[in-house]
Structures are given as C-alpha cells and as structure tokens.
Amino acid sequence: MYSWRGEAENGSTAALTFDDTDGSFVIENDDSSLTLSGLCFADDEKIIICDDESGQNYTFAYRLYGDRVELTYDGSTLTLDKTD
C-alpha cells in the first residue's frame, strides 16, 4: 500500500499511511489535529481503521484513480495524492 496526502479547501491537511497491518489517518489544521491509528483492513471499496486509542472502528469508502484516491467518510469526500 502507498502513502497519501492532500489538502482541503479550508487549508486542513490529511495523510493516510500504512505499515504492515496498521493504518494511520491524520488530519491537521491551524488549531488542532486528529489521528486515527491501528489495525487496518481494506477491500476493493473500503478501508477500516481500528483506532488503538479510542477503541472505535472507522470505515472509509474509497475510489482509486491511479495516483489519486477519493476518501469518503460520513458523506464528506477528500482527495489525496500518492506520495510514494
């Protein structure tokens, strides 16, 4: 799996990375940040990150377009570009 990074219209940045069986999704803006990190599962339509800190599972729908991925959560979509 690859690493992905993008910037939203409001200036927030997002990064999605993978390491063996773990995944990490980080959103940062000027005032705060959010990190979801832990065991990760993926299929052709979704990525599930089991966050170690909260114990919650977060499901992201995704569509892959070569070096770009559209990641959707709770009705909002963010476009990320492949970084490696």
PDB file of N, CA and C in Angstrom:
ATOM      1  N   MET A   1       0.844  -1.172   0.000  1.00  0.00           N
ATOM      2  CA  MET A   1       0.000   0.000   0.000  1.00  0.00           C
ATOM      3  C   MET A   1       0.893   1.240   0.000  1.00  0.00           C
ATOM      4  N   TYR A   2       0.330   2.331  -0.384  1.00  0.00           N
ATOM      5  CA  TYR A   2       1.084   3.559  -0.543  1.00  0.00           C
ATOM      6  C   TYR A   2       0.747   4.560   0.559  1.00  0.00           C
ATOM      7  N   SER A   3       1.462   5.664   0.563  1.00  0.00           N
ATOM      8  CA  SER A   3       1.149   6.792   1.429  1.00  0.00           C
ATOM      9  C   SER A   3       0.438   7.841   0.591  1.00  0.00           C
ATOM     10  N   TRP A   4      -0.500   8.547   1.211  1.00  0.00           N
ATOM     11  CA  TRP A   4      -1.330   9.511   0.503  1.00  0.00           C
ATOM     12  C   TRP A   4      -1.399  10.798   1.310  1.00  0.00           C
ATOM     13  N   ARG A   5      -1.498  11.929   0.597  1.00  0.00           N
ATOM     14  CA  ARG A   5      -1.551  13.219   1.270  1.00  0.00           C
ATOM     15  C   ARG A   5      -2.399  14.175   0.445  1.00  0.00           C
ATOM     16  N   GLY A   6      -3.125  15.055   1.152  1.00  0.00           N
ATOM     17  CA  GLY A   6      -3.949  16.035   0.453  1.00  0.00           C
ATOM     18  C   GLY A   6      -4.253  17.232   1.316  1.00  0.00           C
ATOM     19  N   GLU A   7      -4.829  18.256   0.685  1.00  0.00           N
ATOM     20  CA  GLU A   7      -5.204  19.479   1.385  1.00  0.00           C
ATOM     21  C   GLU A   7      -6.633  19.835   1.013  1.00  0.00           C
ATOM     22  N   ALA A   8      -7.439  20.156   2.028  1.00  0.00           N
ATOM     23  CA  ALA A   8      -8.833  20.533   1.816  1.00  0.00           C
ATOM     24  C   ALA A   8      -8.911  22.022   1.477  1.00  0.00           C
ATOM     25  N   GLU A   9     -10.058  22.444   0.994  1.00  0.00           N
ATOM     26  CA  GLU A   9     -10.265  23.843   0.632  1.00  0.00           C
ATOM     27  C   GLU A   9     -10.079  24.784   1.818  1.00  0.00           C
ATOM     28  N   ASN A  10     -10.335  24.308   3.022  1.00  0.00           N
ATOM     29  CA  ASN A  10     -10.206  25.152   4.220  1.00  0.00           C
ATOM     30  C   ASN A  10      -8.771  25.218   4.749  1.00  0.00           C
ATOM     31  N   GLY A  11      -7.823  24.595   4.050  1.00  0.00           N
ATOM     32  CA  GLY A  11      -6.420  24.619   4.461  1.00  0.00           C
ATOM     33  C   GLY A  11      -5.990  23.460   5.321  1.00  0.00           C
ATOM     34  N   SER A  12      -6.906  22.621   5.748  1.00  0.00           N
ATOM     35  CA  SER A  12      -6.555  21.427   6.530  1.00  0.00           C
ATOM     36  C   SER A  12      -5.786  20.455   5.650  1.00  0.00           C
ATOM     37  N   THR A  13      -4.855  19.738   6.247  1.00  0.00           N
ATOM     38  CA  THR A  13      -4.127  18.707   5.517  1.00  0.00           C
ATOM     39  C   THR A  13      -4.518  17.340   6.053  1.00  0.00           C
ATOM     40  N   ALA A  14      -4.406  16.338   5.215  1.00  0.00           N
ATOM     41  CA  ALA A  14      -4.732  14.970   5.606  1.00  0.00           C
ATOM     42  C   ALA A  14      -3.674  14.031   5.046  1.00  0.00           C
ATOM     43  N   ALA A  15      -3.373  12.994   5.807  1.00  0.00           N
ATOM     44  CA  ALA A  15      -2.416  11.983   5.371  1.00  0.00           C
ATOM     45  C   ALA A  15      -2.947  10.605   5.743  1.00  0.00           C
ATOM     46  N   LEU A  16      -2.798   9.677   4.832  1.00  0.00           N
ATOM     47  CA  LEU A  16      -3.180   8.286   5.037  1.00  0.00           C
ATOM     48  C   LEU A  16      -1.956   7.434   4.748  1.00  0.00           C
ATOM     49  N   THR A  17      -1.513   6.676   5.752  1.00  0.00           N
ATOM     50  CA  THR A  17      -0.324   5.851   5.589  1.00  0.00           C
ATOM     51  C   THR A  17      -0.595   4.440   6.103  1.00  0.00           C
ATOM     52  N   PHE A  18       0.229   3.512   5.646  1.00  0.00           N
ATOM     53  CA  PHE A  18       0.087   2.109   6.023  1.00  0.00           C
ATOM     54  C   PHE A  18       1.447   1.532   6.400  1.00  0.00           C
ATOM     55  N   ASP A  19       1.449   0.626   7.376  1.00  0.00           N
ATOM     56  CA  ASP A  19       2.652  -0.050   7.815  1.00  0.00           C
ATOM     57  C   ASP A  19       2.267  -1.476   8.198  1.00  0.00           C
ATOM     58  N   ASP A  20       2.590  -2.417   7.357  1.00  0.00           N
ATOM     59  CA  ASP A  20       2.192  -3.813   7.544  1.00  0.00           C
ATOM     60  C   ASP A  20       0.673  -3.916   7.715  1.00  0.00           C
ATOM     61  N   THR A  21       0.208  -4.278   8.899  1.00  0.00           N
ATOM     62  CA  THR A  21      -1.233  -4.443   9.119  1.00  0.00           C
ATOM     63  C   THR A  21      -1.879  -3.215   9.741  1.00  0.00           C
ATOM     64  N   ASP A  22      -1.102  -2.159   9.973  1.00  0.00           N
ATOM     65  CA  ASP A  22      -1.629  -0.945  10.593  1.00  0.00           C
ATOM     66  C   ASP A  22      -1.848   0.160   9.563  1.00  0.00           C
ATOM     67  N   GLY A  23      -2.820   1.008   9.860  1.00  0.00           N
ATOM     68  CA  GLY A  23      -3.085   2.185   9.053  1.00  0.00           C
ATOM     69  C   GLY A  23      -3.170   3.398   9.945  1.00  0.00           C
ATOM     70  N   SER A  24      -2.889   4.563   9.378  1.00  0.00           N
ATOM     71  CA  SER A  24      -2.953   5.808  10.128  1.00  0.00           C
ATOM     72  C   SER A  24      -3.567   6.884   9.248  1.00  0.00           C
ATOM     73  N   PHE A  25      -4.533   7.614   9.798  1.00  0.00           N
ATOM     74  CA  PHE A  25      -5.163   8.734   9.108  1.00  0.00           C
ATOM     75  C   PHE A  25      -5.033   9.949  10.018  1.00  0.00           C
ATOM     76  N   VAL A  26      -4.405  11.010   9.509  1.00  0.00           N
ATOM     77  CA  VAL A  26      -4.146  12.201  10.303  1.00  0.00           C
ATOM     78  C   VAL A  26      -4.704  13.414   9.574  1.00  0.00           C
ATOM     79  N   ILE A  27      -5.485  14.220  10.287  1.00  0.00           N
ATOM     80  CA  ILE A  27      -5.982  15.497   9.774  1.00  0.00           C
ATOM     81  C   ILE A  27      -5.434  16.588  10.686  1.00  0.00           C
ATOM     82  N   GLU A  28      -4.873  17.638  10.064  1.00  0.00           N
ATOM     83  CA  GLU A  28      -4.330  18.752  10.834  1.00  0.00           C
ATOM     84  C   GLU A  28      -4.818  20.067  10.253  1.00  0.00           C
ATOM     85  N   ASN A  29      -5.090  21.025  11.137  1.00  0.00           N
ATOM     86  CA  ASN A  29      -5.348  22.393  10.713  1.00  0.00           C
ATOM     87  C   ASN A  29      -4.623  23.320  11.671  1.00  0.00           C
ATOM     88  N   ASP A  30      -4.845  24.614  11.556  1.00  0.00           N
ATOM     89  CA  ASP A  30      -4.125  25.574  12.388  1.00  0.00           C
ATOM     90  C   ASP A  30      -4.362  25.375  13.877  1.00  0.00           C
ATOM     91  N   ASP A  31      -5.558  24.931  14.249  1.00  0.00           N
ATOM     92  CA  ASP A  31      -5.937  24.872  15.656  1.00  0.00           C
ATOM     93  C   ASP A  31      -5.807  23.501  16.307  1.00  0.00           C
ATOM     94  N   SER A  32      -5.907  22.443  15.535  1.00  0.00           N
ATOM     95  CA  SER A  32      -5.922  21.120  16.156  1.00  0.00           C
ATOM     96  C   SER A  32      -5.549  20.037  15.158  1.00  0.00           C
ATOM     97  N   SER A  33      -5.512  18.813  15.666  1.00  0.00           N
ATOM     98  CA  SER A  33      -5.245  17.661  14.806  1.00  0.00           C
ATOM     99  C   SER A  33      -6.019  16.459  15.322  1.00  0.00           C
ATOM    100  N   LEU A  34      -6.222  15.500  14.435  1.00  0.00           N
ATOM    101  CA  LEU A  34      -6.904  14.256  14.764  1.00  0.00           C
ATOM    102  C   LEU A  34      -6.102  13.121  14.160  1.00  0.00           C
ATOM    103  N   THR A  35      -5.809  12.106  14.962  1.00  0.00           N
ATOM    104  CA  THR A  35      -5.080  10.942  14.477  1.00  0.00           C
ATOM    105  C   THR A  35      -5.878   9.685  14.791  1.00  0.00           C
ATOM    106  N   LEU A  36      -6.102   8.875  13.762  1.00  0.00           N
ATOM    107  CA  LEU A  36      -6.695   7.546  13.906  1.00  0.00           C
ATOM    108  C   LEU A  36      -5.614   6.567  13.486  1.00  0.00           C
ATOM    109  N   SER A  37      -5.287   5.626  14.345  1.00  0.00           N
ATOM    110  CA  SER A  37      -4.184   4.731  14.036  1.00  0.00           C
ATOM    111  C   SER A  37      -4.399   3.378  14.702  1.00  0.00           C
ATOM    112  N   GLY A  38      -4.155   2.321  13.940  1.00  0.00           N
ATOM    113  CA  GLY A  38      -4.268   0.979  14.481  1.00  0.00           C
ATOM    114  C   GLY A  38      -4.430  -0.051  13.389  1.00  0.00           C
ATOM    115  N   LEU A  39      -4.854  -1.224  13.775  1.00  0.00           N
ATOM    116  CA  LEU A  39      -5.065  -2.328  12.848  1.00  0.00           C
ATOM    117  C   LEU A  39      -5.966  -1.872  11.706  1.00  0.00           C
ATOM    118  N   CYS A  40      -5.626  -2.269  10.498  1.00  0.00           N
ATOM    119  CA  CYS A  40      -6.327  -1.784   9.312  1.00  0.00           C
ATOM    120  C   CYS A  40      -6.737  -2.955   8.418  1.00  0.00           C
ATOM    121  N   PHE A  41      -7.942  -2.863   7.867  1.00  0.00           N
ATOM    122  CA  PHE A  41      -8.455  -3.836   6.903  1.00  0.00           C
ATOM    123  C   PHE A  41      -8.875  -3.074   5.655  1.00  0.00           C
ATOM    124  N   ALA A  42      -8.667  -3.650   4.497  1.00  0.00           N
ATOM    125  CA  ALA A  42      -9.073  -2.992   3.254  1.00  0.00           C
ATOM    126  C   ALA A  42      -9.584  -4.029   2.262  1.00  0.00           C
ATOM    127  N   ASP A  43     -10.575  -3.612   1.480  1.00  0.00           N
ATOM    128  CA  ASP A  43     -11.021  -4.415   0.350  1.00  0.00           C
ATOM    129  C   ASP A  43     -11.117  -3.474  -0.850  1.00  0.00           C
ATOM    130  N   ASP A  44     -11.850  -3.850  -1.870  1.00  0.00           N
ATOM    131  CA  ASP A  44     -11.926  -3.040  -3.091  1.00  0.00           C
ATOM    132  C   ASP A  44     -12.765  -1.782  -2.942  1.00  0.00           C
ATOM    133  N   GLU A  45     -13.482  -1.614  -1.832  1.00  0.00           N
ATOM    134  CA  GLU A  45     -14.386  -0.477  -1.676  1.00  0.00           C
ATOM    135  C   GLU A  45     -14.180   0.323  -0.399  1.00  0.00           C
ATOM    136  N   LYS A  46     -13.570  -0.289   0.615  1.00  0.00           N
ATOM    137  CA  LYS A  46     -13.482   0.415   1.903  1.00  0.00           C
ATOM    138  C   LYS A  46     -12.198   0.090   2.641  1.00  0.00           C
ATOM    139  N   ILE A  47     -11.847   1.020   3.539  1.00  0.00           N
ATOM    140  CA  ILE A  47     -10.722   0.854   4.453  1.00  0.00           C
ATOM    141  C   ILE A  47     -11.274   1.011   5.860  1.00  0.00           C
ATOM    142  N   ILE A  48     -10.951   0.092   6.743  1.00  0.00           N
ATOM    143  CA  ILE A  48     -11.384   0.174   8.137  1.00  0.00           C
ATOM    144  C   ILE A  48     -10.140   0.309   9.000  1.00  0.00           C
ATOM    145  N   ILE A  49     -10.110   1.369   9.811  1.00  0.00           N
ATOM    146  CA  ILE A  49      -9.020   1.560  10.772  1.00  0.00           C
ATOM    147  C   ILE A  49      -9.599   1.362  12.168  1.00  0.00           C
ATOM    148  N   CYS A  50      -9.028   0.425  12.918  1.00  0.00           N
ATOM    149  CA  CYS A  50      -9.430   0.158  14.300  1.00  0.00           C
ATOM    150  C   CYS A  50      -8.513   1.000  15.191  1.00  0.00           C
ATOM    151  N   ASP A  51      -9.006   2.155  15.617  1.00  0.00           N
ATOM    152  CA  ASP A  51      -8.193   3.108  16.349  1.00  0.00           C
ATOM    153  C   ASP A  51      -7.783   2.556  17.711  1.00  0.00           C
ATOM    154  N   ASP A  52      -6.477   2.499  17.949  1.00  0.00           N
ATOM    155  CA  ASP A  52      -5.945   1.966  19.208  1.00  0.00           C
ATOM    156  C   ASP A  52      -6.370   2.806  20.413  1.00  0.00           C
ATOM    157  N   GLU A  53      -6.386   4.109  20.261  1.00  0.00           N
ATOM    158  CA  GLU A  53      -6.656   4.982  21.404  1.00  0.00           C
ATOM    159  C   GLU A  53      -8.114   4.960  21.840  1.00  0.00           C
ATOM    160  N   SER A  54      -9.041   5.082  20.889  1.00  0.00           N
ATOM    161  CA  SER A  54     -10.465   5.167  21.249  1.00  0.00           C
ATOM    162  C   SER A  54     -11.156   3.810  21.296  1.00  0.00           C
ATOM    163  N   GLY A  55     -10.581   2.816  20.618  1.00  0.00           N
ATOM    164  CA  GLY A  55     -11.223   1.516  20.531  1.00  0.00           C
ATOM    165  C   GLY A  55     -12.338   1.462  19.491  1.00  0.00           C
ATOM    166  N   GLN A  56     -12.521   2.549  18.751  1.00  0.00           N
ATOM    167  CA  GLN A  56     -13.563   2.627  17.719  1.00  0.00           C
ATOM    168  C   GLN A  56     -13.021   2.177  16.368  1.00  0.00           C
ATOM    169  N   ASN A  57     -13.921   1.682  15.522  1.00  0.00           N
ATOM    170  CA  ASN A  57     -13.589   1.333  14.142  1.00  0.00           C
ATOM    171  C   ASN A  57     -14.125   2.423  13.226  1.00  0.00           C
ATOM    172  N   TYR A  58     -13.291   2.888  12.303  1.00  0.00           N
ATOM    173  CA  TYR A  58     -13.662   3.942  11.362  1.00  0.00           C
ATOM    174  C   TYR A  58     -13.596   3.376   9.952  1.00  0.00           C
ATOM    175  N   THR A  59     -14.720   3.481   9.236  1.00  0.00           N
ATOM    176  CA  THR A  59     -14.811   2.938   7.890  1.00  0.00           C
ATOM    177  C   THR A  59     -14.830   4.069   6.874  1.00  0.00           C
ATOM    178  N   PHE A  60     -13.894   4.020   5.941  1.00  0.00           N
ATOM    179  CA  PHE A  60     -13.781   4.989   4.858  1.00  0.00           C
ATOM    180  C   PHE A  60     -14.071   4.289   3.539  1.00  0.00           C
ATOM    181  N   ALA A  61     -14.988   4.824   2.763  1.00  0.00           N
ATOM    182  CA  ALA A  61     -15.165   4.349   1.391  1.00  0.00           C
ATOM    183  C   ALA A  61     -14.074   5.016   0.558  1.00  0.00           C
ATOM    184  N   TYR A  62     -13.630   4.335  -0.485  1.00  0.00           N
ATOM    185  CA  TYR A  62     -12.618   4.967  -1.329  1.00  0.00           C
ATOM    186  C   TYR A  62     -12.775   4.546  -2.782  1.00  0.00           C
ATOM    187  N   ARG A  63     -12.251   5.427  -3.655  1.00  0.00           N
ATOM    188  CA  ARG A  63     -12.147   5.142  -5.086  1.00  0.00           C
ATOM    189  C   ARG A  63     -10.746   5.518  -5.514  1.00  0.00           C
ATOM    190  N   LEU A  64     -10.086   4.600  -6.166  1.00  0.00           N
ATOM    191  CA  LEU A  64      -8.709   4.795  -6.585  1.00  0.00           C
ATOM    192  C   LEU A  64      -8.675   5.209  -8.051  1.00  0.00           C
ATOM    193  N   TYR A  65      -7.929   6.273  -8.333  1.00  0.00           N
ATOM    194  CA  TYR A  65      -7.753   6.780  -9.694  1.00  0.00           C
ATOM    195  C   TYR A  65      -6.255   6.929  -9.959  1.00  0.00           C
ATOM    196  N   GLY A  66      -5.549   5.829 -10.105  1.00  0.00           N
ATOM    197  CA  GLY A  66      -4.111   5.876 -10.356  1.00  0.00           C
ATOM    198  C   GLY A  66      -3.351   6.443  -9.169  1.00  0.00           C
ATOM    199  N   ASP A  67      -2.807   7.657  -9.330  1.00  0.00           N
ATOM    200  CA  ASP A  67      -2.030   8.305  -8.274  1.00  0.00           C
ATOM    201  C   ASP A  67      -2.877   9.197  -7.383  1.00  0.00           C
ATOM    202  N   ARG A  68      -4.199   9.013  -7.409  1.00  0.00           N
ATOM    203  CA  ARG A  68      -5.113   9.818  -6.615  1.00  0.00           C
ATOM    204  C   ARG A  68      -6.172   8.902  -6.027  1.00  0.00           C
ATOM    205  N   VAL A  69      -6.583   9.194  -4.794  1.00  0.00           N
ATOM    206  CA  VAL A  69      -7.645   8.427  -4.165  1.00  0.00           C
ATOM    207  C   VAL A  69      -8.663   9.402  -3.579  1.00  0.00           C
ATOM    208  N   GLU A  70      -9.943   9.086  -3.763  1.00  0.00           N
ATOM    209  CA  GLU A  70     -11.010   9.849  -3.129  1.00  0.00           C
ATOM    210  C   GLU A  70     -11.476   9.055  -1.921  1.00  0.00           C
ATOM    211  N   LEU A  71     -11.321   9.648  -0.755  1.00  0.00           N
ATOM    212  CA  LEU A  71     -11.630   9.013   0.519  1.00  0.00           C
ATOM    213  C   LEU A  71     -12.889   9.659   1.074  1.00  0.00           C
ATOM    214  N   THR A  72     -13.910   8.846   1.391  1.00  0.00           N
ATOM    215  CA  THR A  72     -15.189   9.372   1.860  1.00  0.00           C
ATOM    216  C   THR A  72     -15.504   8.828   3.246  1.00  0.00           C
ATOM    217  N   TYR A  73     -15.910   9.748   4.129  1.00  0.00           N
ATOM    218  CA  TYR A  73     -16.335   9.378   5.479  1.00  0.00           C
ATOM    219  C   TYR A  73     -17.513  10.261   5.859  1.00  0.00           C
ATOM    220  N   ASP A  74     -18.601   9.651   6.278  1.00  0.00           N
ATOM    221  CA  ASP A  74     -19.767  10.382   6.770  1.00  0.00           C
ATOM    222  C   ASP A  74     -20.257  11.441   5.774  1.00  0.00           C
ATOM    223  N   GLY A  75     -20.237  11.100   4.482  1.00  0.00           N
ATOM    224  CA  GLY A  75     -20.749  11.976   3.448  1.00  0.00           C
ATOM    225  C   GLY A  75     -19.784  13.019   2.922  1.00  0.00           C
ATOM    226  N   SER A  76     -18.608  13.147   3.527  1.00  0.00           N
ATOM    227  CA  SER A  76     -17.606  14.113   3.065  1.00  0.00           C
ATOM    228  C   SER A  76     -16.492  13.374   2.325  1.00  0.00           C
ATOM    229  N   THR A  77     -16.039  13.970   1.221  1.00  0.00           N
ATOM    230  CA  THR A  77     -15.005  13.350   0.407  1.00  0.00           C
ATOM    231  C   THR A  77     -13.778  14.237   0.368  1.00  0.00           C
ATOM    232  N   LEU A  78     -12.627  13.597   0.476  1.00  0.00           N
ATOM    233  CA  LEU A  78     -11.341  14.267   0.453  1.00  0.00           C
ATOM    234  C   LEU A  78     -10.477  13.571  -0.591  1.00  0.00           C
ATOM    235  N   THR A  79      -9.807  14.341  -1.423  1.00  0.00           N
ATOM    236  CA  THR A  79      -8.930  13.784  -2.447  1.00  0.00           C
ATOM    237  C   THR A  79      -7.495  13.830  -1.960  1.00  0.00           C
ATOM    238  N   LEU A  80      -6.832  12.683  -2.035  1.00  0.00           N
ATOM    239  CA  LEU A  80      -5.439  12.556  -1.609  1.00  0.00           C
ATOM    240  C   LEU A  80      -4.602  12.092  -2.783  1.00  0.00           C
ATOM    241  N   ASP A  81      -3.355  12.561  -2.842  1.00  0.00           N
ATOM    242  CA  ASP A  81      -2.419  12.174  -3.894  1.00  0.00           C
ATOM    243  C   ASP A  81      -1.376  11.221  -3.327  1.00  0.00           C
ATOM    244  N   LYS A  82      -0.942  10.280  -4.164  1.00  0.00           N
ATOM    245  CA  LYS A  82       0.078   9.304  -3.739  1.00  0.00           C
ATOM    246  C   LYS A  82       1.394  10.045  -3.522  1.00  0.00           C
ATOM    247  N   THR A  83       2.073   9.733  -2.402  1.00  0.00           N
ATOM    248  CA  THR A  83       3.347  10.380  -2.102  1.00  0.00           C
ATOM    249  C   THR A  83       4.547   9.459  -2.306  1.00  0.00           C
ATOM    250  N   ASP A  84       4.335   8.157  -2.358  1.00  0.00           N
ATOM    251  CA  ASP A  84       5.434   7.227  -2.646  1.00  0.00           C
ATOM    252  C   ASP A  84       4.929   5.964  -3.265  1.00  0.00           C
TER     253      ASP A  84
END
